Amino acid sequence: MDEALRRELGAHLRAAREVVDPADVGLAGGGRRRTPGLRREEVAALAGVSVAWYTWLEQGRASTTRQVLDAICRVLGMDGAAHRHTLALAGFLPAAPVAGEAMLGEPTRTLMDSWTSTPAAAVDARFDVLASNIAYRRFWGDPDSVPIERRNLLIMLATPASHHLTDVEPLLRGLYEQFRANTGHIPDDPRAAAVVDLLRRERPDAGHWWSCRAVREFAPVTAGGFTFCLLRPVGEEGVYIFTQLPA
């Protein structure tokens, strides 16, 4: 594992540790704590590793095995997305396709085009828009009219002038956590870094989101009278279909 990934893994584990309620793992509160969540020694004891070694892991100074990471993920109560992200950071899962590699198959494109009243757009793992149907273009505008560096679902939602949805924050946050799950284990991905930089510029008021290390599988979100979903076409690695239906 290279140094950048070790650092990212350590930061991810620390962020997860700090949001665990001690009572959830059978520990008494013990009065006021100086720091939130679990202590390092508590994680180490519950996972069956030494405190020194776990400390080195969070500091990006140690490598590990999949079995030990599985145990730590269980202690930290990680869901499936966070667990997979942890394993990917440690090199135990294949990386997501790099920008430009995702390909939209013709059957999926034809299916999208057949949804004449359901807006749908195909996006890659960074949420760059690959294709859209007529219903999508009627509602959101034509993605091809936007400069290519801004042709991204997250950037569009973070730019108020690009849409007329209300209460967009839950949708934007849910998509961003999926974006983190897709790209957070590739610290040298220039396109992912450019997307985050644009998000920081468009929504500086949401800086705590863009710095957040949470990862989560996207679940349907209702906003502005619509329910938004992400579908994954079978056999098309790194491709999602973003759809909206009346709530």
C-alpha atoms as a PDB file:
ATOM      1  CA  MET A   1       0.000   0.000   0.000  1.00  0.00           C
ATOM      2  CA  ASP A   2       1.477   3.394  -0.923  1.00  0.00           C
ATOM      3  CA  GLU A   3       1.884   6.212   1.577  1.00  0.00           C
ATOM      4  CA  ALA A   4      -1.040   8.333   0.321  1.00  0.00           C
ATOM      5  CA  LEU A   5      -3.456   5.415   0.636  1.00  0.00           C
ATOM      6  CA  ARG A   6      -2.160   4.556   4.119  1.00  0.00           C
ATOM      7  CA  ARG A   7      -2.812   8.147   5.215  1.00  0.00           C
ATOM      8  CA  GLU A   8      -6.288   8.116   3.678  1.00  0.00           C
ATOM      9  CA  LEU A   9      -7.087   4.781   5.334  1.00  0.00           C
ATOM     10  CA  GLY A  10      -5.955   6.123   8.717  1.00  0.00           C
ATOM     11  CA  ALA A  11      -8.066   9.265   8.351  1.00  0.00           C
ATOM     12  CA  HIS A  12     -11.077   7.172   7.299  1.00  0.00           C
ATOM     13  CA  LEU A  13     -10.760   4.900  10.337  1.00  0.00           C
ATOM     14  CA  ARG A  14     -10.328   7.849  12.682  1.00  0.00           C
ATOM     15  CA  ALA A  15     -13.425   9.582  11.283  1.00  0.00           C
ATOM     16  CA  ALA A  16     -15.441   6.365  11.690  1.00  0.00           C
ATOM     17  CA  ARG A  17     -14.162   5.814  15.241  1.00  0.00           C
ATOM     18  CA  GLU A  18     -15.160   9.313  16.332  1.00  0.00           C
ATOM     19  CA  VAL A  19     -18.854   8.818  15.530  1.00  0.00           C
ATOM     20  CA  VAL A  20     -19.359   5.482  17.310  1.00  0.00           C
ATOM     21  CA  ASP A  21     -21.419   5.607  20.481  1.00  0.00           C
ATOM     22  CA  PRO A  22     -19.567   3.546  23.149  1.00  0.00           C
ATOM     23  CA  ALA A  23     -22.912   2.123  24.275  1.00  0.00           C
ATOM     24  CA  ASP A  24     -23.381   0.609  20.798  1.00  0.00           C
ATOM     25  CA  VAL A  25     -20.381  -1.686  21.373  1.00  0.00           C
ATOM     26  CA  GLY A  26     -21.294  -2.554  24.941  1.00  0.00           C
ATOM     27  CA  LEU A  27     -19.095   0.003  26.707  1.00  0.00           C
ATOM     28  CA  ALA A  28     -20.303   2.113  29.594  1.00  0.00           C
ATOM     29  CA  GLY A  29     -20.257   5.842  29.028  1.00  0.00           C
ATOM     30  CA  GLY A  30     -17.906   6.402  31.947  1.00  0.00           C
ATOM     31  CA  GLY A  31     -18.816  10.050  32.384  1.00  0.00           C
ATOM     32  CA  ARG A  32     -17.662  12.837  30.118  1.00  0.00           C
ATOM     33  CA  ARG A  33     -15.135  11.991  27.432  1.00  0.00           C
ATOM     34  CA  ARG A  34     -12.513  14.372  26.182  1.00  0.00           C
ATOM     35  CA  THR A  35     -13.011  13.240  22.592  1.00  0.00           C
ATOM     36  CA  PRO A  36     -16.106  11.940  20.748  1.00  0.00           C
ATOM     37  CA  GLY A  37     -16.645   8.314  19.881  1.00  0.00           C
ATOM     38  CA  LEU A  38     -14.409   5.419  20.864  1.00  0.00           C
ATOM     39  CA  ARG A  39     -10.869   5.663  22.161  1.00  0.00           C
ATOM     40  CA  ARG A  40      -8.120   3.987  20.154  1.00  0.00           C
ATOM     41  CA  GLU A  41      -7.440   1.524  22.957  1.00  0.00           C
ATOM     42  CA  GLU A  42     -11.110   0.520  22.948  1.00  0.00           C
ATOM     43  CA  VAL A  43     -11.099  -0.202  19.213  1.00  0.00           C
ATOM     44  CA  ALA A  44      -7.863  -2.148  19.573  1.00  0.00           C
ATOM     45  CA  ALA A  45      -9.216  -4.263  22.433  1.00  0.00           C
ATOM     46  CA  LEU A  46     -12.498  -5.030  20.665  1.00  0.00           C
ATOM     47  CA  ALA A  47     -10.718  -5.894  17.392  1.00  0.00           C
ATOM     48  CA  GLY A  48      -8.056  -8.031  19.097  1.00  0.00           C
ATOM     49  CA  VAL A  49      -4.991  -5.978  18.115  1.00  0.00           C
ATOM     50  CA  SER A  50      -2.433  -4.010  20.090  1.00  0.00           C
ATOM     51  CA  VAL A  51      -3.021  -0.341  20.875  1.00  0.00           C
ATOM     52  CA  ALA A  52       0.362   0.596  19.403  1.00  0.00           C
ATOM     53  CA  TRP A  53      -0.351  -1.180  16.135  1.00  0.00           C
ATOM     54  CA  TYR A  54      -3.839   0.336  15.788  1.00  0.00           C
ATOM     55  CA  THR A  55      -2.374   3.781  16.512  1.00  0.00           C
ATOM     56  CA  TRP A  56       0.182   3.268  13.740  1.00  0.00           C
ATOM     57  CA  LEU A  57      -2.622   2.204  11.397  1.00  0.00           C
ATOM     58  CA  GLU A  58      -4.542   5.436  12.011  1.00  0.00           C
ATOM     59  CA  GLN A  59      -1.317   7.410  11.577  1.00  0.00           C
ATOM     60  CA  GLY A  60      -0.660   5.793   8.187  1.00  0.00           C
ATOM     61  CA  ARG A  61       2.449   4.017   9.458  1.00  0.00           C
ATOM     62  CA  ALA A  62       1.338   0.377   9.222  1.00  0.00           C
ATOM     63  CA  SER A  63      -0.128  -2.068   6.729  1.00  0.00           C
ATOM     64  CA  THR A  64      -2.658  -4.726   7.627  1.00  0.00           C
ATOM     65  CA  THR A  65      -4.492  -7.860   6.557  1.00  0.00           C
ATOM     66  CA  ARG A  66      -8.030  -8.147   5.284  1.00  0.00           C
ATOM     67  CA  GLN A  67      -9.088 -10.230   8.278  1.00  0.00           C
ATOM     68  CA  VAL A  68      -7.948  -7.563  10.732  1.00  0.00           C
ATOM     69  CA  LEU A  69      -9.644  -4.808   8.726  1.00  0.00           C
ATOM     70  CA  ASP A  70     -12.854  -6.834   8.669  1.00  0.00           C
ATOM     71  CA  ALA A  71     -12.703  -7.028  12.472  1.00  0.00           C
ATOM     72  CA  ILE A  72     -12.078  -3.281  12.813  1.00  0.00           C
ATOM     73  CA  CYS A  73     -14.950  -2.488  10.439  1.00  0.00           C
ATOM     74  CA  ARG A  74     -17.268  -4.627  12.552  1.00  0.00           C
ATOM     75  CA  VAL A  75     -16.181  -2.839  15.727  1.00  0.00           C
ATOM     76  CA  LEU A  76     -16.786   0.532  14.084  1.00  0.00           C
ATOM     77  CA  GLY A  77     -20.228  -0.521  12.877  1.00  0.00           C
ATOM     78  CA  MET A  78     -19.499   0.259   9.222  1.00  0.00           C
ATOM     79  CA  ASP A  79     -22.212  -0.400   6.664  1.00  0.00           C
ATOM     80  CA  GLY A  80     -21.490  -2.200   3.399  1.00  0.00           C
ATOM     81  CA  ALA A  81     -20.333   0.899   1.526  1.00  0.00           C
ATOM     82  CA  ALA A  82     -17.963   2.047   4.273  1.00  0.00           C
ATOM     83  CA  HIS A  83     -16.595  -1.483   4.691  1.00  0.00           C
ATOM     84  CA  ARG A  84     -15.888  -1.813   0.953  1.00  0.00           C
ATOM     85  CA  HIS A  85     -14.297   1.629   0.941  1.00  0.00           C
ATOM     86  CA  THR A  86     -11.994   0.575   3.791  1.00  0.00           C
ATOM     87  CA  LEU A  87     -10.950  -2.564   1.940  1.00  0.00           C
ATOM     88  CA  ALA A  88     -10.386  -0.608  -1.270  1.00  0.00           C
ATOM     89  CA  LEU A  89      -8.147   1.891   0.526  1.00  0.00           C
ATOM     90  CA  ALA A  90      -6.062  -1.032   1.802  1.00  0.00           C
ATOM     91  CA  GLY A  91      -5.772  -2.517  -1.690  1.00  0.00           C
ATOM     92  CA  PHE A  92      -8.072  -5.498  -1.161  1.00  0.00           C
ATOM     93  CA  LEU A  93     -10.629  -4.451  -3.788  1.00  0.00           C
ATOM     94  CA  PRO A  94     -10.129  -3.320  -7.396  1.00  0.00           C
ATOM     95  CA  ALA A  95     -10.094   0.420  -7.965  1.00  0.00           C
ATOM     96  CA  ALA A  96     -13.008   2.120  -9.674  1.00  0.00           C
ATOM     97  CA  PRO A  97     -12.582   2.778 -13.398  1.00  0.00           C
ATOM     98  CA  VAL A  98     -10.580   5.918 -14.023  1.00  0.00           C
ATOM     99  CA  ALA A  99     -12.239   8.958 -15.566  1.00  0.00           C
ATOM    100  CA  GLY A 100     -12.989   8.384 -19.224  1.00  0.00           C
ATOM    101  CA  GLU A 101     -13.115   4.575 -18.974  1.00  0.00           C
ATOM    102  CA  ALA A 102     -16.839   4.159 -18.252  1.00  0.00           C
ATOM    103  CA  MET A 103     -18.733   3.158 -21.381  1.00  0.00           C
ATOM    104  CA  LEU A 104     -22.495   3.294 -21.878  1.00  0.00           C
ATOM    105  CA  GLY A 105     -23.849   0.313 -23.792  1.00  0.00           C
ATOM    106  CA  GLU A 106     -26.318   0.774 -26.623  1.00  0.00           C
ATOM    107  CA  PRO A 107     -29.071  -1.295 -24.915  1.00  0.00           C
ATOM    108  CA  THR A 108     -28.952   0.987 -21.872  1.00  0.00           C
ATOM    109  CA  ARG A 109     -29.006   4.077 -24.064  1.00  0.00           C
ATOM    110  CA  THR A 110     -32.026   2.713 -25.945  1.00  0.00           C
ATOM    111  CA  LEU A 111     -33.797   1.922 -22.671  1.00  0.00           C
ATOM    112  CA  MET A 112     -33.240   5.468 -21.390  1.00  0.00           C
ATOM    113  CA  ASP A 113     -34.559   6.937 -24.626  1.00  0.00           C
ATOM    114  CA  SER A 114     -37.735   4.847 -24.282  1.00  0.00           C
ATOM    115  CA  TRP A 115     -38.566   6.581 -20.976  1.00  0.00           C
ATOM    116  CA  THR A 116     -40.314   9.490 -22.643  1.00  0.00           C
ATOM    117  CA  SER A 117     -41.766  10.919 -19.417  1.00  0.00           C
ATOM    118  CA  THR A 118     -39.004   9.889 -16.964  1.00  0.00           C
ATOM    119  CA  PRO A 119     -35.902  12.093 -16.872  1.00  0.00           C
ATOM    120  CA  ALA A 120     -32.778   9.920 -16.895  1.00  0.00           C
ATOM    121  CA  ALA A 121     -29.069  10.546 -17.302  1.00  0.00           C
ATOM    122  CA  ALA A 122     -26.177   8.114 -17.442  1.00  0.00           C
ATOM    123  CA  VAL A 123     -23.237   9.160 -15.286  1.00  0.00           C
ATOM    124  CA  ASP A 124     -19.856   7.644 -14.460  1.00  0.00           C
ATOM    125  CA  ALA A 125     -18.318   7.015 -11.029  1.00  0.00           C
ATOM    126  CA  ARG A 126     -17.412  10.718 -10.725  1.00  0.00           C
ATOM    127  CA  PHE A 127     -20.978  11.636 -11.755  1.00  0.00           C
ATOM    128  CA  ASP A 128     -19.843  13.183 -15.021  1.00  0.00           C
ATOM    129  CA  VAL A 129     -22.792  12.989 -17.421  1.00  0.00           C
ATOM    130  CA  LEU A 130     -22.299  10.494 -20.252  1.00  0.00           C
ATOM    131  CA  ALA A 131     -25.744  10.702 -21.898  1.00  0.00           C
ATOM    132  CA  SER A 132     -29.293  11.852 -21.199  1.00  0.00           C
ATOM    133  CA  ASN A 133     -32.769  11.317 -22.588  1.00  0.00           C
ATOM    134  CA  ILE A 134     -35.215  13.906 -23.920  1.00  0.00           C
ATOM    135  CA  ALA A 135     -37.206  14.055 -20.672  1.00  0.00           C
ATOM    136  CA  TYR A 136     -34.030  14.854 -18.760  1.00  0.00           C
ATOM    137  CA  ARG A 137     -33.037  17.600 -21.188  1.00  0.00           C
ATOM    138  CA  ARG A 138     -36.501  19.166 -20.951  1.00  0.00           C
ATOM    139  CA  PHE A 139     -36.277  19.338 -17.168  1.00  0.00           C
ATOM    140  CA  TRP A 140     -32.582  20.053 -16.597  1.00  0.00           C
ATOM    141  CA  GLY A 141     -31.396  21.452 -19.912  1.00  0.00           C
ATOM    142  CA  ASP A 142     -28.966  19.910 -22.371  1.00  0.00           C
ATOM    143  CA  PRO A 143     -25.720  18.782 -20.648  1.00  0.00           C
ATOM    144  CA  ASP A 144     -23.848  19.325 -23.913  1.00  0.00           C
ATOM    145  CA  SER A 145     -24.510  23.066 -23.572  1.00  0.00           C
ATOM    146  CA  VAL A 146     -22.444  23.148 -20.365  1.00  0.00           C
ATOM    147  CA  PRO A 147     -18.613  23.399 -20.418  1.00  0.00           C
ATOM    148  CA  ILE A 148     -17.215  19.892 -20.158  1.00  0.00           C
ATOM    149  CA  GLU A 149     -15.514  20.507 -16.804  1.00  0.00           C
ATOM    150  CA  ARG A 150     -18.931  21.414 -15.320  1.00  0.00           C
ATOM    151  CA  ARG A 151     -20.881  18.594 -16.996  1.00  0.00           C
ATOM    152  CA  ASN A 152     -21.279  16.834 -13.672  1.00  0.00           C
ATOM    153  CA  LEU A 153     -24.357  15.944 -11.628  1.00  0.00           C
ATOM    154  CA  LEU A 154     -22.895  17.154  -8.335  1.00  0.00           C
ATOM    155  CA  ILE A 155     -21.727  20.468  -9.738  1.00  0.00           C
ATOM    156  CA  MET A 156     -25.091  21.049 -11.402  1.00  0.00           C
ATOM    157  CA  LEU A 157     -26.973  20.416  -8.146  1.00  0.00           C
ATOM    158  CA  ALA A 158     -24.559  22.631  -6.207  1.00  0.00           C
ATOM    159  CA  THR A 159     -25.191  25.515  -8.639  1.00  0.00           C
ATOM    160  CA  PRO A 160     -28.595  27.096  -7.875  1.00  0.00           C
ATOM    161  CA  ALA A 161     -28.809  28.721 -11.317  1.00  0.00           C
ATOM    162  CA  SER A 162     -28.622  25.267 -12.942  1.00  0.00           C
ATOM    163  CA  HIS A 163     -31.905  23.956 -11.578  1.00  0.00           C
ATOM    164  CA  HIS A 164     -35.155  24.933  -9.869  1.00  0.00           C
ATOM    165  CA  LEU A 165     -35.370  22.218  -7.232  1.00  0.00           C
ATOM    166  CA  THR A 166     -36.143  23.075  -3.637  1.00  0.00           C
ATOM    167  CA  ASP A 167     -34.660  21.287  -0.637  1.00  0.00           C
ATOM    168  CA  VAL A 168     -31.817  19.930  -2.753  1.00  0.00           C
ATOM    169  CA  GLU A 169     -29.402  19.387   0.154  1.00  0.00           C
ATOM    170  CA  PRO A 170     -30.405  15.781   1.031  1.00  0.00           C
ATOM    171  CA  LEU A 171     -30.046  14.773  -2.615  1.00  0.00           C
ATOM    172  CA  LEU A 172     -26.704  16.529  -3.016  1.00  0.00           C
ATOM    173  CA  ARG A 173     -25.328  15.075   0.197  1.00  0.00           C
ATOM    174  CA  GLY A 174     -26.488  11.548  -0.638  1.00  0.00           C
ATOM    175  CA  LEU A 175     -24.874  11.703  -4.068  1.00  0.00           C
ATOM    176  CA  TYR A 176     -21.677  13.145  -2.624  1.00  0.00           C
ATOM    177  CA  GLU A 177     -21.366  10.280  -0.147  1.00  0.00           C
ATOM    178  CA  GLN A 178     -21.723   7.839  -3.059  1.00  0.00           C
ATOM    179  CA  PHE A 179     -19.115   9.874  -4.981  1.00  0.00           C
ATOM    180  CA  ARG A 180     -16.791   9.474  -1.961  1.00  0.00           C
ATOM    181  CA  ALA A 181     -17.429   5.725  -1.952  1.00  0.00           C
ATOM    182  CA  ASN A 182     -16.546   5.595  -5.648  1.00  0.00           C
ATOM    183  CA  THR A 183     -13.430   7.766  -5.601  1.00  0.00           C
ATOM    184  CA  GLY A 184     -12.129   8.220  -2.049  1.00  0.00           C
ATOM    185  CA  HIS A 185      -9.714   5.291  -2.339  1.00  0.00           C
ATOM    186  CA  ILE A 186      -8.023   6.880  -5.385  1.00  0.00           C
ATOM    187  CA  PRO A 187      -6.310   9.932  -3.822  1.00  0.00           C
ATOM    188  CA  ASP A 188      -4.470  10.863  -7.021  1.00  0.00           C
ATOM    189  CA  ASP A 189      -7.590  10.956  -9.252  1.00  0.00           C
ATOM    190  CA  PRO A 190      -7.324  14.388 -10.942  1.00  0.00           C
ATOM    191  CA  ARG A 191     -10.947  14.502 -12.139  1.00  0.00           C
ATOM    192  CA  ALA A 192     -12.356  13.670  -8.701  1.00  0.00           C
ATOM    193  CA  ALA A 193     -10.117  16.370  -7.190  1.00  0.00           C
ATOM    194  CA  ALA A 194     -11.328  18.888  -9.800  1.00  0.00           C
ATOM    195  CA  VAL A 195     -14.974  18.095  -9.001  1.00  0.00           C
ATOM    196  CA  VAL A 196     -14.397  18.658  -5.278  1.00  0.00           C
ATOM    197  CA  ASP A 197     -12.585  21.918  -6.007  1.00  0.00           C
ATOM    198  CA  LEU A 198     -15.537  23.172  -8.075  1.00  0.00           C
ATOM    199  CA  LEU A 199     -17.959  22.130  -5.329  1.00  0.00           C
ATOM    200  CA  ARG A 200     -15.973  24.110  -2.767  1.00  0.00           C
ATOM    201  CA  ARG A 201     -16.150  27.174  -5.018  1.00  0.00           C
ATOM    202  CA  GLU A 202     -19.867  26.810  -5.810  1.00  0.00           C
ATOM    203  CA  ARG A 203     -20.968  26.038  -2.245  1.00  0.00           C
ATOM    204  CA  PRO A 204     -18.380  27.369   0.236  1.00  0.00           C
ATOM    205  CA  ASP A 205     -21.168  27.362   2.830  1.00  0.00           C
ATOM    206  CA  ALA A 206     -21.186  23.540   2.614  1.00  0.00           C
ATOM    207  CA  GLY A 207     -17.441  23.188   3.173  1.00  0.00           C
ATOM    208  CA  HIS A 208     -18.042  20.702   6.003  1.00  0.00           C
ATOM    209  CA  TRP A 209     -19.646  18.366   3.453  1.00  0.00           C
ATOM    210  CA  TRP A 210     -16.752  18.507   1.024  1.00  0.00           C
ATOM    211  CA  SER A 211     -14.311  17.764   3.868  1.00  0.00           C
ATOM    212  CA  CYS A 212     -16.426  14.917   5.246  1.00  0.00           C
ATOM    213  CA  ARG A 213     -15.030  11.391   4.894  1.00  0.00           C
ATOM    214  CA  ALA A 214     -18.396   9.642   5.145  1.00  0.00           C
ATOM    215  CA  VAL A 215     -19.165   7.107   2.417  1.00  0.00           C
ATOM    216  CA  ARG A 216     -22.550   5.546   1.825  1.00  0.00           C
ATOM    217  CA  GLU A 217     -24.513   3.735  -0.875  1.00  0.00           C
ATOM    218  CA  PHE A 218     -27.036   6.150  -2.346  1.00  0.00           C
ATOM    219  CA  ALA A 219     -30.621   5.504  -1.280  1.00  0.00           C
ATOM    220  CA  PRO A 220     -33.662   7.079  -2.983  1.00  0.00           C
ATOM    221  CA  VAL A 221     -34.152  10.704  -1.947  1.00  0.00           C
ATOM    222  CA  THR A 222     -37.243  12.896  -2.268  1.00  0.00           C
ATOM    223  CA  ALA A 223     -36.702  16.552  -3.107  1.00  0.00           C
ATOM    224  CA  GLY A 224     -38.792  19.180  -4.868  1.00  0.00           C
ATOM    225  CA  GLY A 225     -41.707  16.794  -5.339  1.00  0.00           C
ATOM    226  CA  PHE A 226     -39.612  14.078  -7.023  1.00  0.00           C
ATOM    227  CA  THR A 227     -37.982  10.855  -5.890  1.00  0.00           C
ATOM    228  CA  PHE A 228     -34.449  10.409  -7.240  1.00  0.00           C
ATOM    229  CA  CYS A 229     -32.759   7.036  -7.698  1.00  0.00           C
ATOM    230  CA  LEU A 230     -29.455   5.636  -8.947  1.00  0.00           C
ATOM    231  CA  LEU A 231     -29.653   2.458 -11.011  1.00  0.00           C
ATOM    232  CA  ARG A 232     -26.702   0.274 -12.010  1.00  0.00           C
ATOM    233  CA  PRO A 233     -26.903  -1.382 -15.437  1.00  0.00           C
ATOM    234  CA  VAL A 234     -25.691  -4.980 -15.320  1.00  0.00           C
ATOM    235  CA  GLY A 235     -22.330  -5.468 -17.003  1.00  0.00           C
ATOM    236  CA  GLU A 236     -21.504  -1.761 -17.355  1.00  0.00           C
ATOM    237  CA  GLU A 237     -18.752  -1.090 -14.831  1.00  0.00           C
ATOM    238  CA  GLY A 238     -18.701   2.392 -13.369  1.00  0.00           C
ATOM    239  CA  VAL A 239     -22.004   3.489 -14.951  1.00  0.00           C
ATOM    240  CA  TYR A 240     -25.106   4.705 -13.075  1.00  0.00           C
ATOM    241  CA  ILE A 241     -28.510   5.821 -14.338  1.00  0.00           C
ATOM    242  CA  PHE A 242     -29.835   8.841 -12.445  1.00  0.00           C
ATOM    243  CA  THR A 243     -33.647   8.938 -12.610  1.00  0.00           C
ATOM    244  CA  GLN A 244     -36.470  10.972 -11.128  1.00  0.00           C
ATOM    245  CA  LEU A 245     -40.116  10.087 -10.615  1.00  0.00           C
ATOM    246  CA  PRO A 246     -43.023  12.030  -9.121  1.00  0.00           C
ATOM    247  CA  ALA A 247     -42.965  11.573  -5.344  1.00  0.00           C
END
